[in-house]
Amino acid sequence: MQHVEFPYGTMSYNGHMVILTIKEGAVFDVAECREMITTATRFAGNKPYVLLSDARVYFSITPEGRKVTADKNEAPLLKANAVIINNLPARLIANFFGKFNKPHFQFKVFTNEQKAVDWLMATGRVCGIN
């Protein structure tokens, strides 16, 4: 399994999906978002991928960071993102992102990790991944 540590979280790749675990208090701006996209793309071998984001902490993302993350030109190989949350601020961030930034990839928020993984695996198969 590929794995990398960032100041704002950890990222790994298990052969089926990229997994991002966000650290408590993380702040995502353009640089952090681009670093995550570049790493995820490299982990997936420059092929389409799905992303599991474990956001069960308090964190923030700037408006510019949200734009970068949602932009197809910035993350053309990202096909789906399942976000796991367990607190109201994270839910607000995720729902705002999904509704107002209109990401080019499939995006869904979960409170149950297994349901998030199952959805990503099914979505990945539909997209020709896995």
Foldseek 3Di string as FASTA:
>chain_A
DDKDADPQFIWDDDQAAIETEGDAAEEAEQVNLLVVLVVRCVRNVVAAHEYEYEPQHDYYYDPRSLLLNQDCVSRVRYAEYEYAYDDDVVVVRQVCSCPPSVHPHHYYYHNDPVVSVVVRNVSCVVVVGD
